[in-house]
Amino acid sequence: MVIDMSKFKQILFYIIIIGIIGIISILLPSGYRKALEPEEFYKVYLDGNEIGVVSSKKKLEDYIDKKNEQYKSLYNVSRVYSPNGLEIEKILTYDGRVNKVEDIYDIIQKEKPFTIKGYKFTIISTVKNKNDKNVKSQNVIYVTKKSIFDESVVNLFKTYAGTDKYNAYINNTQEKIVTTGSYINNIYLNDSITIKETNIPVTETIYSDTSSLSQFLLFGKDNKKFNYIVKTGDTITTVAFNNKISVEEFLLSNTQFSSENNLLFPGQRVVINATSPQLQVMIDQTITKDLVKRYNTVERYDSSRQMGDDRVIQSGENGLERVSQEVTSANGVITYVKPISKKELKPSTDRIIVYGQKQVSGVGSTKSWGWPTNSGYTISSNYGYRYAWGRREFHLGIDIAGTGYGSPVYAVNNGTVMNFKCHWSYGNCLLINHNNGYYTLYAHMSSVLVRPGINVSRGQVIGKVGMTGSASGPHLHFEVYVGGMPYTGGTRVSPWVLYN
């Protein structure tokens, strides 16, 4: 038989080539072999940059979840997810080269934090800046469940309204006001809030329980709570003032006390905790209360008596009025008072003093002081520390509200109207030098009725209640200084020193 050598050589060549390919495929790592058919793999991108290829998307996701068990326990969630910005794209390729899941995981964890599913609450609030101007403030809160935020807001409502009163409001079981009392008309948040379900990076502050979020919403993140040991002579008012918090804040942190008039005893332990509310809780109420109507002091002069021969010929006696008001508060601070009605329950009796000689009209008495507004008022903000409109501040006087817009403002004693330039936040304001060491300042008036340089007498109408300058509602802001004018040597004191 004759063999065709050319065909034989051709067949032998193919056999050798196939053998060489087989040997090479055996010697190469499996991850580098070329597939005869395209295979399905997954290309991994982080923030748009390719970081590798894996054989299974599920294996990578399961590995991420398995390696982060601590977060599932910490936040009480069932799964941990890829970072935001990680994308896994399915591809078909003849190139069988893939990366180990472990290697891809190491790259990811060095670049970005892993995530858990939850909710992002974005809160837009109106606060005051250093220049007393309204500005927008944004705050972001992350929670694992929407119900945690909802329940914490309810706790905030209960804190400011009182649990029993809030429950009665929600259940529509409030008792109508018969004589005195309060009735909640509305409770709401004065913030713009958006909600988004999202994957939350585990490096963020994430709230997974109602208790911790409730504390944050009331006291903020820089909570400096501490205990104070009561000393002899301490009162709730002095303890609050000396620790730079308001009486209302003291009562919020020490629920065993019902009012600032409750007694303290030496050695007693109380909590000092300055609030920093993250939400603005508004409460609209109708309040009816019996208020003392202060008696007036009437001064008479007898030229037949020597100077210093002064006599009280009629003792003064306070009266009593039943006053109804619509009151709006923001996080426990009264922002607006509208008078509804006022009924006299008991008339007051004037105190009458006869002086031995008529004194100079510009010199005020140091023995008695009048009140600067009509009766039926509410002290909407006291002298001392307070947290209002997104900041902590020292309130320089007392705010007297509830007598109505345009109601009269009275000089509290004889004195001389000073030429004084008020700060813009005071609006229309007036300063009186009583020529006895005291100066009084009246602010936010709708109009001023006296001019600088004239002498005024106690009880004289000097202006009208308004809301000019930085004021959320009609009221009189009243300050007292001793020894000099404001900001030029005078010492600011609590207005209550005139009436104690």
Protein backbone atom coordinates (compact mmCIF):
# COMPACT_ATOMS: atom_id res chain seq x y z
CA MET A 1 0.00 0.00 0.00
CA VAL A 2 1.27 3.39 -0.98
CA ILE A 3 1.03 6.08 1.78
CA ASP A 4 0.33 9.66 0.79
CA MET A 5 3.08 11.35 2.80
CA SER A 6 1.65 14.87 2.39
CA LYS A 7 -1.67 13.86 3.97
CA PHE A 8 0.13 11.93 6.70
CA LYS A 9 2.22 14.98 7.61
CA GLN A 10 -0.91 17.15 7.71
CA ILE A 11 -2.72 14.74 10.05
CA LEU A 12 0.35 14.41 12.24
CA PHE A 13 0.61 18.24 12.48
CA TYR A 14 -2.99 18.58 13.70
CA ILE A 15 -2.45 15.79 16.26
CA ILE A 16 0.64 17.56 17.64
CA ILE A 17 -1.12 20.94 17.81
CA ILE A 18 -4.12 19.46 19.65
CA GLY A 19 -1.77 17.70 22.06
CA ILE A 20 0.12 20.90 22.79
CA ILE A 21 -3.15 22.79 23.46
CA GLY A 22 -4.31 20.02 25.79
CA ILE A 23 -1.06 20.06 27.74
CA ILE A 24 -1.17 23.88 28.09
CA SER A 25 -4.81 23.81 29.26
CA ILE A 26 -3.88 21.24 31.91
CA LEU A 27 -0.90 23.23 33.15
CA LEU A 28 -2.72 26.64 33.33
CA PRO A 29 -4.76 27.54 36.50
CA SER A 30 -8.45 26.92 36.03
CA GLY A 31 -9.21 30.67 36.49
CA TYR A 32 -7.20 31.47 33.34
CA ARG A 33 -8.60 28.90 30.91
CA LYS A 34 -10.50 30.03 27.90
CA ALA A 35 -14.03 28.69 27.76
CA LEU A 36 -15.31 27.12 24.65
CA GLU A 37 -18.64 28.93 25.32
CA PRO A 38 -19.14 32.40 26.94
CA GLU A 39 -19.78 32.21 30.68
CA GLU A 40 -21.84 34.39 33.05
CA PHE A 41 -19.83 36.40 35.58
CA TYR A 42 -20.29 39.65 37.53
CA LYS A 43 -18.19 42.77 37.21
CA VAL A 44 -17.93 44.86 40.40
CA TYR A 45 -17.77 48.67 40.41
CA LEU A 46 -17.27 51.00 43.36
CA ASP A 47 -18.29 54.61 42.70
CA GLY A 48 -17.95 53.93 38.97
CA ASN A 49 -14.48 52.35 39.18
CA GLU A 50 -14.04 48.66 38.32
CA ILE A 51 -12.51 46.71 41.22
CA GLY A 52 -12.83 43.12 39.94
CA VAL A 53 -14.93 40.24 38.66
CA VAL A 54 -16.70 37.57 40.75
CA SER A 55 -18.35 34.37 39.73
CA SER A 56 -21.50 34.97 41.81
CA LYS A 57 -23.25 38.14 42.93
CA LYS A 58 -25.04 36.26 45.68
CA LYS A 59 -21.78 34.85 47.07
CA LEU A 60 -20.33 38.35 47.41
CA GLU A 61 -23.48 39.72 49.05
CA ASP A 62 -23.71 36.73 51.42
CA TYR A 63 -20.03 37.11 52.33
CA ILE A 64 -20.54 40.80 53.17
CA ASP A 65 -23.49 39.87 55.37
CA LYS A 66 -21.59 37.05 57.11
CA LYS A 67 -18.51 39.16 57.86
CA ASN A 68 -20.57 41.89 59.58
CA GLU A 69 -22.56 39.98 62.16
CA GLN A 70 -21.72 42.63 64.79
CA TYR A 71 -23.86 45.22 63.02
CA LYS A 72 -26.84 42.89 62.87
CA SER A 73 -26.61 42.45 66.61
CA LEU A 74 -25.94 46.14 67.29
CA TYR A 75 -28.87 47.46 65.27
CA ASN A 76 -31.18 44.43 65.55
CA VAL A 77 -31.40 43.93 61.78
CA SER A 78 -31.43 40.73 59.74
CA ARG A 79 -28.90 41.64 57.06
CA VAL A 80 -25.95 43.88 56.21
CA TYR A 81 -25.67 45.19 52.66
CA SER A 82 -23.08 46.54 50.22
CA PRO A 83 -21.92 50.16 50.50
CA ASN A 84 -23.80 52.87 48.67
CA GLY A 85 -22.08 53.30 45.30
CA LEU A 86 -21.33 49.59 44.82
CA GLU A 87 -22.73 48.17 41.56
CA ILE A 88 -22.58 44.56 40.38
CA GLU A 89 -23.13 44.08 36.64
CA LYS A 90 -23.76 40.71 34.95
CA ILE A 91 -21.48 40.01 31.96
CA LEU A 92 -20.96 37.19 29.41
CA THR A 93 -17.31 36.53 28.59
CA TYR A 94 -14.93 33.93 27.16
CA ASP A 95 -12.34 35.09 29.68
CA GLY A 96 -12.72 32.87 32.72
CA ARG A 97 -10.50 34.95 35.00
CA VAL A 98 -12.27 35.87 38.28
CA ASN A 99 -11.26 37.35 41.64
CA LYS A 100 -11.80 35.72 44.98
CA VAL A 101 -14.79 37.06 46.91
CA GLU A 102 -12.50 37.60 49.90
CA ASP A 103 -10.19 39.84 47.86
CA ILE A 104 -13.06 41.97 46.56
CA TYR A 105 -14.42 42.28 50.12
CA ASP A 106 -11.05 43.54 51.39
CA ILE A 107 -10.97 46.22 48.70
CA ILE A 108 -14.51 47.37 49.52
CA GLN A 109 -14.10 47.58 53.28
CA LYS A 110 -11.03 49.77 52.95
CA GLU A 111 -12.89 52.26 50.76
CA LYS A 112 -16.47 52.61 52.04
CA PRO A 113 -18.67 51.48 54.95
CA PHE A 114 -21.24 48.76 54.57
CA THR A 115 -24.94 49.56 55.02
CA ILE A 116 -28.15 48.45 56.67
CA LYS A 117 -31.69 49.19 55.54
CA GLY A 118 -33.55 51.94 57.38
CA TYR A 119 -35.06 55.40 57.10
CA LYS A 120 -33.54 58.84 56.66
CA PHE A 121 -35.45 61.74 58.22
CA THR A 122 -34.40 65.20 57.01
CA ILE A 123 -35.60 68.00 59.30
CA ILE A 124 -35.65 71.65 58.21
CA SER A 125 -36.18 74.04 61.16
CA THR A 126 -36.24 77.81 61.65
CA VAL A 127 -33.77 79.03 64.28
CA LYS A 128 -32.19 82.33 65.34
CA ASN A 129 -28.59 83.09 64.39
CA LYS A 130 -26.14 85.26 66.37
CA ASN A 131 -27.65 88.37 64.83
CA ASP A 132 -31.14 87.34 65.98
CA LYS A 133 -32.25 86.68 62.40
CA ASN A 134 -34.36 83.70 61.30
CA VAL A 135 -32.32 81.12 59.38
CA LYS A 136 -32.97 77.57 58.15
CA SER A 137 -31.23 74.69 59.90
CA GLN A 138 -31.03 71.11 58.57
CA ASN A 139 -30.70 67.99 60.68
CA VAL A 140 -30.61 64.35 59.49
CA ILE A 141 -31.70 61.43 61.66
CA TYR A 142 -31.32 57.74 60.73
CA VAL A 143 -33.51 55.00 62.23
CA THR A 144 -33.87 51.30 61.52
CA LYS A 145 -37.67 51.48 61.66
CA LYS A 146 -40.04 54.32 60.91
CA SER A 147 -42.01 53.51 64.06
CA ILE A 148 -38.98 54.42 66.21
CA PHE A 149 -39.12 58.03 64.98
CA ASP A 150 -42.91 58.21 65.30
CA GLU A 151 -42.88 56.89 68.87
CA SER A 152 -40.05 59.27 69.84
CA VAL A 153 -42.02 62.25 68.55
CA VAL A 154 -44.98 61.13 70.66
CA ASN A 155 -42.66 60.95 73.69
CA LEU A 156 -41.57 64.52 72.93
CA PHE A 157 -45.22 65.61 72.80
CA LYS A 158 -45.82 63.93 76.17
CA THR A 159 -42.76 65.63 77.66
CA TYR A 160 -44.01 69.12 76.85
CA ALA A 161 -47.75 68.56 77.25
CA GLY A 162 -47.70 66.02 80.09
CA THR A 163 -48.54 62.34 79.51
CA ASP A 164 -52.07 62.50 80.93
CA LYS A 165 -52.97 65.69 79.07
CA TYR A 166 -51.56 64.36 75.80
CA ASN A 167 -53.44 61.07 76.09
CA ALA A 168 -56.67 62.95 76.82
CA TYR A 169 -56.04 65.17 73.78
CA ILE A 170 -55.40 62.19 71.48
CA ASN A 171 -58.34 60.19 72.82
CA ASN A 172 -60.65 63.23 72.72
CA THR A 173 -61.40 62.87 76.44
CA GLN A 174 -60.29 66.31 77.67
CA GLU A 175 -62.56 67.90 80.22
CA LYS A 176 -64.01 71.25 79.26
CA ILE A 177 -62.90 74.21 81.37
CA VAL A 178 -65.60 75.02 83.93
CA THR A 179 -63.78 77.37 86.30
CA THR A 180 -60.01 77.20 85.78
CA GLY A 181 -57.77 74.85 83.88
CA SER A 182 -56.29 74.25 80.46
CA TYR A 183 -57.52 72.70 77.22
CA ILE A 184 -55.19 71.61 74.42
CA ASN A 185 -56.46 72.76 71.04
CA ASN A 186 -53.58 71.47 68.92
CA ILE A 187 -50.16 69.81 69.18
CA TYR A 188 -47.91 69.75 66.14
CA LEU A 189 -44.34 70.01 64.85
CA ASN A 190 -43.26 73.34 63.40
CA ASP A 191 -40.64 71.67 61.19
CA SER A 192 -40.50 70.49 57.59
CA ILE A 193 -39.74 66.75 57.61
CA THR A 194 -39.04 64.43 54.66
CA ILE A 195 -38.77 60.64 54.95
CA LYS A 196 -36.79 58.33 52.67
CA GLU A 197 -36.24 54.59 52.90
CA THR A 198 -32.55 54.03 52.20
CA ASN A 199 -29.42 52.02 52.86
CA ILE A 200 -27.64 53.67 55.80
CA PRO A 201 -23.83 53.51 56.17
CA VAL A 202 -22.98 51.78 59.46
CA THR A 203 -20.61 54.66 60.30
CA GLU A 204 -23.59 57.02 60.76
CA THR A 205 -25.40 57.46 64.07
CA ILE A 206 -28.32 55.06 63.69
CA TYR A 207 -31.13 54.81 66.23
CA SER A 208 -32.63 51.37 66.71
CA ASP A 209 -34.65 52.02 69.87
CA THR A 210 -37.14 54.67 70.96
CA SER A 211 -35.48 55.50 74.28
CA SER A 212 -32.14 56.68 72.88
CA LEU A 213 -33.76 58.68 70.06
CA SER A 214 -36.18 60.33 72.52
CA GLN A 215 -33.21 61.47 74.62
CA PHE A 216 -31.46 62.86 71.53
CA LEU A 217 -34.54 64.73 70.33
CA LEU A 218 -34.83 66.47 73.71
CA PHE A 219 -31.21 66.97 74.80
CA GLY A 220 -29.14 66.76 71.58
CA LYS A 221 -25.86 64.93 71.06
CA ASP A 222 -23.72 66.95 73.48
CA ASN A 223 -25.76 66.07 76.53
CA LYS A 224 -23.88 67.14 79.70
CA LYS A 225 -26.20 65.75 82.33
CA PHE A 226 -24.99 65.74 85.93
CA ASN A 227 -26.28 65.52 89.49
CA TYR A 228 -26.41 68.47 91.87
CA ILE A 229 -26.52 68.21 95.66
CA VAL A 230 -28.93 70.73 97.17
CA LYS A 231 -27.44 73.19 99.65
CA THR A 232 -29.07 75.13 102.47
CA GLY A 233 -31.12 77.99 101.09
CA ASP A 234 -31.43 76.54 97.58
CA THR A 235 -34.71 76.83 95.71
CA ILE A 236 -35.65 75.39 92.35
CA THR A 237 -35.36 78.88 90.87
CA THR A 238 -31.88 79.56 92.25
CA VAL A 239 -30.57 76.08 91.40
CA ALA A 240 -31.77 76.46 87.81
CA PHE A 241 -30.36 79.97 87.49
CA ASN A 242 -26.96 79.12 89.00
CA ASN A 243 -26.61 76.15 86.64
CA LYS A 244 -27.65 78.17 83.58
CA ILE A 245 -30.87 76.37 82.77
CA SER A 246 -34.49 77.49 82.91
CA VAL A 247 -36.95 76.44 85.60
CA GLU A 248 -38.91 74.60 82.89
CA GLU A 249 -35.80 72.57 81.99
CA PHE A 250 -35.24 71.74 85.66
CA LEU A 251 -38.82 70.43 85.95
CA LEU A 252 -38.45 68.36 82.75
CA SER A 253 -35.43 66.54 84.21
CA ASN A 254 -36.85 66.22 87.74
CA THR A 255 -40.39 64.98 87.28
CA GLN A 256 -40.85 64.47 91.04
CA PHE A 257 -41.47 68.23 91.24
CA SER A 258 -44.68 69.78 89.92
CA SER A 259 -43.76 73.47 90.10
CA GLU A 260 -40.95 75.89 90.96
CA ASN A 261 -42.63 76.46 94.33
CA ASN A 262 -41.87 72.92 95.53
CA LEU A 263 -39.37 72.84 98.40
CA LEU A 264 -35.85 71.43 98.26
CA PHE A 265 -33.94 70.08 101.27
CA PRO A 266 -30.17 70.08 101.90
CA GLY A 267 -28.47 66.92 100.65
CA GLN A 268 -31.19 66.20 98.10
CA ARG A 269 -29.88 65.03 94.71
CA VAL A 270 -31.38 66.66 91.61
CA VAL A 271 -30.57 66.39 87.91
CA ILE A 272 -29.16 69.28 85.87
CA ASN A 273 -29.73 68.69 82.17
CA ALA A 274 -29.80 71.50 79.62
CA THR A 275 -32.17 70.79 76.74
CA SER A 276 -31.25 71.17 73.09
CA PRO A 277 -34.46 70.19 71.25
CA GLN A 278 -34.00 68.87 67.71
CA LEU A 279 -37.67 69.41 66.84
CA GLN A 280 -40.00 72.30 67.59
CA VAL A 281 -43.09 71.10 69.44
CA MET A 282 -45.92 73.63 69.22
CA ILE A 283 -48.85 73.50 71.65
CA ASP A 284 -51.92 75.69 71.28
CA GLN A 285 -53.95 75.85 74.50
CA THR A 286 -56.84 77.69 76.05
CA ILE A 287 -55.90 78.50 79.65
CA THR A 288 -58.18 79.94 82.33
CA LYS A 289 -56.57 80.86 85.63
CA ASP A 290 -57.15 83.03 88.67
CA LEU A 291 -54.54 85.76 88.89
CA VAL A 292 -53.70 88.20 91.65
CA LYS A 293 -54.57 91.75 90.72
CA ARG A 294 -51.86 93.85 92.34
CA TYR A 295 -53.05 96.79 94.33
CA ASN A 296 -52.01 100.29 93.29
CA THR A 297 -50.09 102.63 95.56
CA VAL A 298 -51.49 106.16 95.66
CA GLU A 299 -49.13 108.88 96.86
CA ARG A 300 -50.47 112.02 98.47
CA TYR A 301 -48.59 115.01 99.81
CA ASP A 302 -49.24 117.12 102.89
CA SER A 303 -47.32 120.39 103.02
CA SER A 304 -48.15 120.72 106.72
CA ARG A 305 -46.07 117.62 107.52
CA GLN A 306 -42.31 117.72 107.71
CA MET A 307 -40.27 115.76 105.13
CA GLY A 308 -39.87 112.22 106.38
CA ASP A 309 -43.11 112.28 108.32
CA ASP A 310 -44.71 109.71 106.01
CA ARG A 311 -47.79 107.68 106.95
CA VAL A 312 -49.76 104.85 105.35
CA ILE A 313 -53.37 105.85 105.82
CA GLN A 314 -54.81 102.87 103.94
CA SER A 315 -53.27 99.43 103.55
CA GLY A 316 -53.32 97.95 100.10
CA GLU A 317 -54.95 94.63 99.37
CA ASN A 318 -54.57 92.55 96.23
CA GLY A 319 -57.63 91.58 94.25
CA LEU A 320 -58.36 88.49 92.18
CA GLU A 321 -59.26 88.09 88.51
CA ARG A 322 -60.25 85.10 86.38
CA VAL A 323 -58.40 85.39 83.08
CA SER A 324 -58.84 83.32 79.92
CA GLN A 325 -56.16 83.32 77.22
CA GLU A 326 -55.15 81.49 74.07
CA VAL A 327 -51.50 80.52 74.60
CA THR A 328 -49.03 79.14 72.04
CA SER A 329 -45.73 77.64 73.20
CA ALA A 330 -42.71 76.27 71.34
CA ASN A 331 -40.79 73.59 73.27
CA GLY A 332 -42.27 74.87 76.50
CA VAL A 333 -41.47 78.55 75.85
CA ILE A 334 -44.52 80.79 75.42
CA THR A 335 -44.40 82.56 72.05
CA TYR A 336 -47.88 84.10 71.76
CA VAL A 337 -50.64 85.06 74.19
CA LYS A 338 -54.05 86.31 73.06
CA PRO A 339 -56.49 87.55 75.72
CA ILE A 340 -60.00 86.11 75.60
CA SER A 341 -61.74 87.38 78.71
CA LYS A 342 -61.13 88.83 82.18
CA LYS A 343 -63.54 88.76 85.11
CA GLU A 344 -62.99 90.44 88.48
CA LEU A 345 -63.56 88.02 91.35
CA LYS A 346 -62.36 90.31 94.09
CA PRO A 347 -61.54 94.04 93.71
CA SER A 348 -58.18 95.35 94.85
CA THR A 349 -57.81 98.09 97.42
CA ASP A 350 -55.38 100.94 96.85
CA ARG A 351 -52.55 101.51 99.28
CA ILE A 352 -52.48 105.19 100.18
CA ILE A 353 -49.32 106.88 101.45
CA VAL A 354 -49.19 110.48 102.65
CA TYR A 355 -45.74 112.08 102.40
CA GLY A 356 -44.76 114.98 104.60
CA GLN A 357 -43.66 117.07 101.63
CA LYS A 358 -44.24 116.84 97.92
CA GLN A 359 -41.15 115.33 96.39
CA VAL A 360 -39.51 116.27 93.12
CA SER A 361 -41.60 114.70 90.37
CA GLY A 362 -38.55 113.29 88.61
CA VAL A 363 -37.38 111.30 91.64
CA GLY A 364 -38.99 107.91 92.13
CA SER A 365 -39.77 106.33 95.44
CA THR A 366 -37.59 103.43 96.53
CA LYS A 367 -40.32 102.07 98.80
CA SER A 368 -42.93 101.07 96.24
CA TRP A 369 -43.11 100.40 92.53
CA GLY A 370 -46.03 100.21 90.12
CA TRP A 371 -46.62 97.48 87.55
CA PRO A 372 -45.93 98.32 83.88
CA THR A 373 -49.05 96.74 82.29
CA ASN A 374 -52.70 96.11 82.92
CA SER A 375 -53.71 93.16 85.08
CA GLY A 376 -54.58 89.78 83.60
CA TYR A 377 -51.06 89.28 82.30
CA THR A 378 -48.93 86.16 81.81
CA ILE A 379 -45.17 86.06 82.33
CA SER A 380 -44.34 84.39 79.03
CA SER A 381 -40.58 84.32 79.66
CA ASN A 382 -38.80 84.99 82.92
CA TYR A 383 -35.46 86.59 83.74
CA GLY A 384 -32.65 84.06 83.37
CA TYR A 385 -31.47 81.25 81.14
CA ARG A 386 -33.68 79.70 78.48
CA TYR A 387 -33.50 77.62 75.28
CA ALA A 388 -35.56 79.20 72.53
CA TRP A 389 -35.54 79.26 68.74
CA GLY A 390 -32.67 76.83 68.40
CA ARG A 391 -30.20 78.43 70.82
CA ARG A 392 -29.43 78.85 74.52
CA GLU A 393 -29.46 82.42 75.81
CA PHE A 394 -29.75 84.59 78.90
CA HIS A 395 -33.06 86.44 78.88
CA LEU A 396 -32.31 89.95 80.10
CA GLY A 397 -35.70 90.83 81.55
CA ILE A 398 -39.24 89.53 81.91
CA ASP A 399 -41.78 89.25 79.09
CA ILE A 400 -45.28 90.33 80.12
CA ALA A 401 -47.94 89.07 77.71
CA GLY A 402 -51.69 88.64 77.58
CA THR A 403 -52.92 92.20 78.10
CA GLY A 404 -53.53 92.61 74.37
CA TYR A 405 -51.97 94.45 71.47
CA GLY A 406 -52.21 98.21 71.97
CA SER A 407 -52.95 97.99 75.70
CA PRO A 408 -51.23 100.65 77.86
CA VAL A 409 -47.68 100.51 79.20
CA TYR A 410 -47.15 102.42 82.46
CA ALA A 411 -44.10 104.01 84.06
CA VAL A 412 -43.38 101.97 87.17
CA ASN A 413 -42.18 105.02 89.10
CA ASN A 414 -41.46 108.73 88.80
CA GLY A 415 -38.47 109.52 86.64
CA THR A 416 -36.95 111.21 83.62
CA VAL A 417 -37.25 109.80 80.09
CA MET A 418 -33.73 109.30 78.74
CA ASN A 419 -32.39 109.82 75.24
CA PHE A 420 -31.36 106.19 74.68
CA LYS A 421 -30.73 104.33 71.42
CA CYS A 422 -32.28 100.88 71.67
CA HIS A 423 -30.87 97.78 70.00
CA TRP A 424 -32.82 96.91 66.86
CA SER A 425 -34.14 93.71 68.44
CA TYR A 426 -36.00 95.77 71.11
CA GLY A 427 -38.13 97.55 68.53
CA ASN A 428 -39.81 100.66 69.94
CA CYS A 429 -38.35 101.03 73.41
CA LEU A 430 -38.01 103.55 76.23
CA LEU A 431 -35.58 104.07 79.12
CA ILE A 432 -36.50 105.90 82.33
CA ASN A 433 -34.00 107.18 84.92
CA HIS A 434 -35.84 107.17 88.24
CA ASN A 435 -33.10 109.30 89.81
CA ASN A 436 -32.95 106.97 92.80
CA GLY A 437 -30.31 104.59 91.45
CA TYR A 438 -32.70 102.58 89.26
CA TYR A 439 -33.34 102.62 85.50
CA THR A 440 -36.17 100.73 83.78
CA LEU A 441 -36.37 99.74 80.11
CA TYR A 442 -39.60 99.00 78.17
CA ALA A 443 -39.33 97.25 74.76
CA HIS A 444 -41.33 95.95 71.74
CA MET A 445 -43.98 98.67 72.14
CA SER A 446 -46.27 99.44 69.20
CA SER A 447 -45.86 103.15 69.96
CA VAL A 448 -44.02 105.44 72.42
CA LEU A 449 -46.11 108.29 73.85
CA VAL A 450 -43.49 110.37 75.70
CA ARG A 451 -40.33 112.11 74.55
CA PRO A 452 -36.82 112.21 76.04
CA GLY A 453 -36.12 114.85 78.67
CA ILE A 454 -39.58 115.03 80.27
CA ASN A 455 -40.44 113.84 83.75
CA VAL A 456 -43.08 111.13 84.10
CA SER A 457 -44.98 109.96 87.16
CA ARG A 458 -45.74 106.46 88.32
CA GLY A 459 -48.75 105.02 86.52
CA GLN A 460 -48.48 107.46 83.61
CA VAL A 461 -49.11 105.86 80.21
CA ILE A 462 -45.79 105.97 78.31
CA GLY A 463 -46.56 103.64 75.40
CA LYS A 464 -48.61 100.75 74.06
CA VAL A 465 -47.95 97.00 74.03
CA GLY A 466 -46.77 95.75 70.65
CA MET A 467 -44.50 93.29 68.90
CA THR A 468 -41.90 95.47 67.19
CA GLY A 469 -38.31 94.29 66.87
CA SER A 470 -37.64 90.62 67.55
CA ALA A 471 -40.93 89.42 69.03
CA SER A 472 -43.13 86.42 68.27
CA GLY A 473 -46.28 88.00 69.72
CA PRO A 474 -47.57 91.10 71.51
CA HIS A 475 -45.83 91.59 74.86
CA LEU A 476 -43.79 94.03 76.94
CA HIS A 477 -40.14 93.21 77.54
CA PHE A 478 -39.17 94.85 80.87
CA GLU A 479 -35.59 95.28 82.18
CA VAL A 480 -34.14 96.88 85.31
CA TYR A 481 -30.67 98.37 85.85
CA VAL A 482 -28.95 99.73 88.97
CA GLY A 483 -26.27 102.40 89.20
CA GLY A 484 -26.25 103.53 85.58
CA MET A 485 -27.68 103.21 82.11
CA PRO A 486 -27.64 99.92 80.18
CA TYR A 487 -24.29 99.09 78.58
CA THR A 488 -22.66 102.21 80.09
CA GLY A 489 -21.93 101.16 83.65
CA GLY A 490 -25.35 100.04 84.83
CA THR A 491 -25.76 96.61 86.39
CA ARG A 492 -28.64 94.54 85.10
CA VAL A 493 -30.78 92.93 87.82
CA SER A 494 -33.92 90.82 87.88
CA PRO A 495 -37.04 93.03 87.62
CA TRP A 496 -38.50 91.06 90.51
CA VAL A 497 -36.19 92.91 92.93
CA LEU A 498 -38.60 95.85 92.65
CA TYR A 499 -41.52 93.80 93.91
CA ASN A 500 -40.03 91.48 96.52
